[in-house]
Amino acid sequence: MGGINAFLRDEVQTVASTNSKYAEDPSTYRASFGLEEDFYQGLDEFNGRPDGGNIEAQMLKEFCDTRSFVTRNYGGVETDLLTEWQFVVAPQVGKVYPGEIGLPRADGTLHPGRQRKSMKQLMMHPLTVRAGLLRVEVLAVRLYTVKTWFFFI
């Protein structure tokens, strides 16, 4: 009987370690967090309820933008939302996506490149299975925690 509470207890990371994922130097950027009462109100209070039954199609609408932007992670990679959608949802075989090959650092080494993972791989990941996540939830986690995260803040 562990359920979601055991899952959360086992998987919780500190804010500092989570924050460090998004910056080469964690002191250069700090995420902001709402109040506990904001959490309990839920996203509907801020964003409204989703319109319709196909959340994945709604997410795609957010990612049809082809205006380029430069990320603050992976060494500063130029990309766009539609490219990021394709990278996460259905990456093309043989295509190299922004950030897959690390950019040079000042010391001559390369930033680590990000790794391509298919939705099938992500759905079969032990944490995904253990948490009982739906495809749309895995998409949301992947889309809103990769380089596109910086576009929305």
C-alpha atoms as a PDB file:
ATOM      1  CA  MET A   1       0.000   0.000   0.000  1.00  0.00           C
ATOM      2  CA  GLY A   2       2.301   2.865  -0.870  1.00  0.00           C
ATOM      3  CA  GLY A   3       0.199   4.670  -3.396  1.00  0.00           C
ATOM      4  CA  ILE A   4       0.978   8.154  -4.569  1.00  0.00           C
ATOM      5  CA  ASN A   5       2.202   9.291  -1.146  1.00  0.00           C
ATOM      6  CA  ALA A   6       4.969   6.698  -1.128  1.00  0.00           C
ATOM      7  CA  PHE A   7       5.805   7.584  -4.710  1.00  0.00           C
ATOM      8  CA  LEU A   8       6.072  11.264  -3.853  1.00  0.00           C
ATOM      9  CA  ARG A   9       8.075  10.605  -0.692  1.00  0.00           C
ATOM     10  CA  ASP A  10      10.524   8.453  -2.654  1.00  0.00           C
ATOM     11  CA  GLU A  11      10.871  10.813  -5.589  1.00  0.00           C
ATOM     12  CA  VAL A  12      10.835  14.274  -4.030  1.00  0.00           C
ATOM     13  CA  GLN A  13      13.866  16.389  -4.837  1.00  0.00           C
ATOM     14  CA  THR A  14      14.968  19.554  -3.164  1.00  0.00           C
ATOM     15  CA  VAL A  15      14.173  22.841  -4.860  1.00  0.00           C
ATOM     16  CA  ALA A  16      17.888  23.507  -5.267  1.00  0.00           C
ATOM     17  CA  SER A  17      18.595  20.228  -7.069  1.00  0.00           C
ATOM     18  CA  THR A  18      15.542  20.636  -9.282  1.00  0.00           C
ATOM     19  CA  ASN A  19      16.449  24.228 -10.047  1.00  0.00           C
ATOM     20  CA  SER A  20      19.952  23.219 -11.080  1.00  0.00           C
ATOM     21  CA  LYS A  21      18.544  21.291 -14.054  1.00  0.00           C
ATOM     22  CA  TYR A  22      17.651  24.578 -15.703  1.00  0.00           C
ATOM     23  CA  ALA A  23      20.894  26.484 -15.327  1.00  0.00           C
ATOM     24  CA  GLU A  24      24.543  25.760 -15.955  1.00  0.00           C
ATOM     25  CA  ASP A  25      25.265  27.804 -12.851  1.00  0.00           C
ATOM     26  CA  PRO A  26      22.312  27.364 -10.425  1.00  0.00           C
ATOM     27  CA  SER A  27      22.985  30.770  -8.904  1.00  0.00           C
ATOM     28  CA  THR A  28      22.122  32.468 -12.227  1.00  0.00           C
ATOM     29  CA  TYR A  29      18.443  31.572 -12.217  1.00  0.00           C
ATOM     30  CA  ARG A  30      15.870  30.846  -9.553  1.00  0.00           C
ATOM     31  CA  ALA A  31      12.420  29.442 -10.175  1.00  0.00           C
ATOM     32  CA  SER A  32       9.522  31.167  -8.490  1.00  0.00           C
ATOM     33  CA  PHE A  33       6.860  29.276  -6.637  1.00  0.00           C
ATOM     34  CA  GLY A  34       3.319  30.166  -5.602  1.00  0.00           C
ATOM     35  CA  LEU A  35       1.806  29.947  -2.173  1.00  0.00           C
ATOM     36  CA  GLU A  36       0.403  26.748  -0.726  1.00  0.00           C
ATOM     37  CA  GLU A  37      -3.123  28.145  -1.105  1.00  0.00           C
ATOM     38  CA  ASP A  38      -2.443  28.626  -4.841  1.00  0.00           C
ATOM     39  CA  PHE A  39      -1.554  24.948  -5.076  1.00  0.00           C
ATOM     40  CA  TYR A  40      -4.805  23.844  -3.465  1.00  0.00           C
ATOM     41  CA  GLN A  41      -6.891  26.093  -5.738  1.00  0.00           C
ATOM     42  CA  GLY A  42      -5.557  24.168  -8.723  1.00  0.00           C
ATOM     43  CA  LEU A  43      -4.689  25.249 -12.230  1.00  0.00           C
ATOM     44  CA  ASP A  44      -8.319  25.840 -13.194  1.00  0.00           C
ATOM     45  CA  GLU A  45      -8.286  28.931 -10.993  1.00  0.00           C
ATOM     46  CA  PHE A  46      -5.468  30.420 -13.089  1.00  0.00           C
ATOM     47  CA  ASN A  47      -5.928  28.924 -16.551  1.00  0.00           C
ATOM     48  CA  GLY A  48      -9.600  27.980 -16.689  1.00  0.00           C
ATOM     49  CA  ARG A  49     -10.932  24.542 -17.518  1.00  0.00           C
ATOM     50  CA  PRO A  50      -9.745  22.831 -20.699  1.00  0.00           C
ATOM     51  CA  ASP A  51     -12.150  23.246 -23.594  1.00  0.00           C
ATOM     52  CA  GLY A  52     -13.096  19.890 -25.062  1.00  0.00           C
ATOM     53  CA  GLY A  53     -12.001  16.354 -24.458  1.00  0.00           C
ATOM     54  CA  ASN A  54      -8.732  16.216 -26.383  1.00  0.00           C
ATOM     55  CA  ILE A  55      -6.089  17.803 -24.193  1.00  0.00           C
ATOM     56  CA  GLU A  56      -3.256  16.651 -26.457  1.00  0.00           C
ATOM     57  CA  ALA A  57      -4.787  18.590 -29.374  1.00  0.00           C
ATOM     58  CA  GLN A  58      -5.059  21.646 -27.132  1.00  0.00           C
ATOM     59  CA  MET A  59      -1.414  21.300 -26.176  1.00  0.00           C
ATOM     60  CA  LEU A  60      -0.457  21.099 -29.859  1.00  0.00           C
ATOM     61  CA  LYS A  61      -2.174  24.468 -30.433  1.00  0.00           C
ATOM     62  CA  GLU A  62       0.216  25.997 -27.892  1.00  0.00           C
ATOM     63  CA  PHE A  63       3.193  24.504 -29.716  1.00  0.00           C
ATOM     64  CA  CYS A  64       2.412  25.573 -33.316  1.00  0.00           C
ATOM     65  CA  ASP A  65       4.513  28.715 -32.895  1.00  0.00           C
ATOM     66  CA  THR A  66       7.607  28.757 -35.127  1.00  0.00           C
ATOM     67  CA  ARG A  67       9.161  31.953 -33.723  1.00  0.00           C
ATOM     68  CA  SER A  68      12.662  31.077 -32.625  1.00  0.00           C
ATOM     69  CA  PHE A  69      13.994  31.634 -29.134  1.00  0.00           C
ATOM     70  CA  VAL A  70      17.253  30.831 -27.367  1.00  0.00           C
ATOM     71  CA  THR A  71      17.175  28.614 -24.317  1.00  0.00           C
ATOM     72  CA  ARG A  72      18.964  29.276 -21.054  1.00  0.00           C
ATOM     73  CA  ASN A  73      19.947  25.642 -20.727  1.00  0.00           C
ATOM     74  CA  TYR A  74      21.929  23.257 -22.948  1.00  0.00           C
ATOM     75  CA  GLY A  75      24.377  26.102 -23.558  1.00  0.00           C
ATOM     76  CA  GLY A  76      21.854  28.444 -25.193  1.00  0.00           C
ATOM     77  CA  VAL A  77      20.252  26.601 -28.087  1.00  0.00           C
ATOM     78  CA  GLU A  78      18.056  28.246 -30.736  1.00  0.00           C
ATOM     79  CA  THR A  79      14.770  26.415 -31.282  1.00  0.00           C
ATOM     80  CA  ASP A  80      11.023  26.991 -31.649  1.00  0.00           C
ATOM     81  CA  LEU A  81       7.920  25.482 -30.057  1.00  0.00           C
ATOM     82  CA  LEU A  82       6.867  23.395 -33.059  1.00  0.00           C
ATOM     83  CA  THR A  83      10.335  21.821 -33.268  1.00  0.00           C
ATOM     84  CA  GLU A  84      10.143  21.008 -29.566  1.00  0.00           C
ATOM     85  CA  TRP A  85       6.697  19.409 -30.029  1.00  0.00           C
ATOM     86  CA  GLN A  86       8.106  17.229 -32.805  1.00  0.00           C
ATOM     87  CA  PHE A  87      11.144  16.300 -30.703  1.00  0.00           C
ATOM     88  CA  VAL A  88       8.917  15.095 -27.860  1.00  0.00           C
ATOM     89  CA  VAL A  89       5.884  13.663 -29.659  1.00  0.00           C
ATOM     90  CA  ALA A  90       7.251  12.153 -32.870  1.00  0.00           C
ATOM     91  CA  PRO A  91      10.931  12.806 -33.574  1.00  0.00           C
ATOM     92  CA  GLN A  92      11.973  12.188 -37.161  1.00  0.00           C
ATOM     93  CA  VAL A  93      14.539   9.458 -37.695  1.00  0.00           C
ATOM     94  CA  GLY A  94      17.816  10.921 -38.945  1.00  0.00           C
ATOM     95  CA  LYS A  95      17.004  14.500 -37.947  1.00  0.00           C
ATOM     96  CA  VAL A  96      19.266  16.152 -35.379  1.00  0.00           C
ATOM     97  CA  TYR A  97      17.202  18.388 -33.102  1.00  0.00           C
ATOM     98  CA  PRO A  98      18.485  21.502 -31.330  1.00  0.00           C
ATOM     99  CA  GLY A  99      20.373  20.557 -28.196  1.00  0.00           C
ATOM    100  CA  GLU A 100      21.024  16.918 -29.093  1.00  0.00           C
ATOM    101  CA  ILE A 101      24.643  17.782 -29.798  1.00  0.00           C
ATOM    102  CA  GLY A 102      26.042  19.832 -26.936  1.00  0.00           C
ATOM    103  CA  LEU A 103      27.360  23.309 -27.671  1.00  0.00           C
ATOM    104  CA  PRO A 104      30.934  24.284 -26.725  1.00  0.00           C
ATOM    105  CA  ARG A 105      31.619  25.729 -23.296  1.00  0.00           C
ATOM    106  CA  ALA A 106      34.220  28.416 -22.634  1.00  0.00           C
ATOM    107  CA  ASP A 107      36.660  25.732 -21.419  1.00  0.00           C
ATOM    108  CA  GLY A 108      36.403  23.824 -24.718  1.00  0.00           C
ATOM    109  CA  THR A 109      34.269  20.981 -23.408  1.00  0.00           C
ATOM    110  CA  LEU A 110      30.741  20.429 -24.663  1.00  0.00           C
ATOM    111  CA  HIS A 111      27.516  20.963 -22.779  1.00  0.00           C
ATOM    112  CA  PRO A 112      25.822  17.582 -22.415  1.00  0.00           C
ATOM    113  CA  GLY A 113      23.323  17.093 -25.219  1.00  0.00           C
ATOM    114  CA  ARG A 114      19.766  16.151 -24.439  1.00  0.00           C
ATOM    115  CA  GLN A 115      18.628  12.654 -25.170  1.00  0.00           C
ATOM    116  CA  ARG A 116      15.811  11.717 -27.494  1.00  0.00           C
ATOM    117  CA  LYS A 117      13.237   9.374 -25.978  1.00  0.00           C
ATOM    118  CA  SER A 118      10.166   8.076 -27.744  1.00  0.00           C
ATOM    119  CA  MET A 119       6.757   8.318 -26.126  1.00  0.00           C
ATOM    120  CA  LYS A 120       6.751   4.515 -26.045  1.00  0.00           C
ATOM    121  CA  GLN A 121       9.992   4.545 -24.016  1.00  0.00           C
ATOM    122  CA  LEU A 122       8.638   7.198 -21.677  1.00  0.00           C
ATOM    123  CA  MET A 123       5.340   5.356 -21.173  1.00  0.00           C
ATOM    124  CA  MET A 124       7.268   2.193 -20.254  1.00  0.00           C
ATOM    125  CA  HIS A 125       9.611   3.975 -17.827  1.00  0.00           C
ATOM    126  CA  PRO A 126       9.268   2.463 -14.319  1.00  0.00           C
ATOM    127  CA  LEU A 127       8.318   5.812 -12.741  1.00  0.00           C
ATOM    128  CA  THR A 128       5.612   6.377 -15.357  1.00  0.00           C
ATOM    129  CA  VAL A 129       4.193   2.911 -14.779  1.00  0.00           C
ATOM    130  CA  ARG A 130       4.447   3.205 -11.005  1.00  0.00           C
ATOM    131  CA  ALA A 131       2.669   6.565 -10.985  1.00  0.00           C
ATOM    132  CA  GLY A 132       0.008   5.359 -13.418  1.00  0.00           C
ATOM    133  CA  LEU A 133       0.509   8.369 -15.695  1.00  0.00           C
ATOM    134  CA  LEU A 134      -1.554   8.844 -18.838  1.00  0.00           C
ATOM    135  CA  ARG A 135       0.057   9.689 -22.198  1.00  0.00           C
ATOM    136  CA  VAL A 136      -1.118  13.304 -21.982  1.00  0.00           C
ATOM    137  CA  GLU A 137       0.432  13.626 -18.512  1.00  0.00           C
ATOM    138  CA  VAL A 138       3.762  12.278 -19.758  1.00  0.00           C
ATOM    139  CA  LEU A 139       3.582  14.692 -22.702  1.00  0.00           C
ATOM    140  CA  ALA A 140       2.965  17.577 -20.315  1.00  0.00           C
ATOM    141  CA  VAL A 141       5.879  16.606 -18.086  1.00  0.00           C
ATOM    142  CA  ARG A 142       8.212  16.273 -21.045  1.00  0.00           C
ATOM    143  CA  LEU A 143       7.031  19.358 -22.951  1.00  0.00           C
ATOM    144  CA  TYR A 144       6.925  21.735 -20.040  1.00  0.00           C
ATOM    145  CA  THR A 145      10.251  20.663 -18.526  1.00  0.00           C
ATOM    146  CA  VAL A 146      12.413  20.740 -21.647  1.00  0.00           C
ATOM    147  CA  LYS A 147      13.684  23.853 -23.355  1.00  0.00           C
ATOM    148  CA  THR A 148      10.153  25.129 -24.029  1.00  0.00           C
ATOM    149  CA  TRP A 149       9.704  25.699 -20.293  1.00  0.00           C
ATOM    150  CA  PHE A 150      11.722  28.898 -20.677  1.00  0.00           C
ATOM    151  CA  PHE A 151       9.415  30.152 -23.429  1.00  0.00           C
ATOM    152  CA  PHE A 152       6.438  30.130 -21.089  1.00  0.00           C
ATOM    153  CA  ILE A 153       8.037  31.943 -18.134  1.00  0.00           C
END
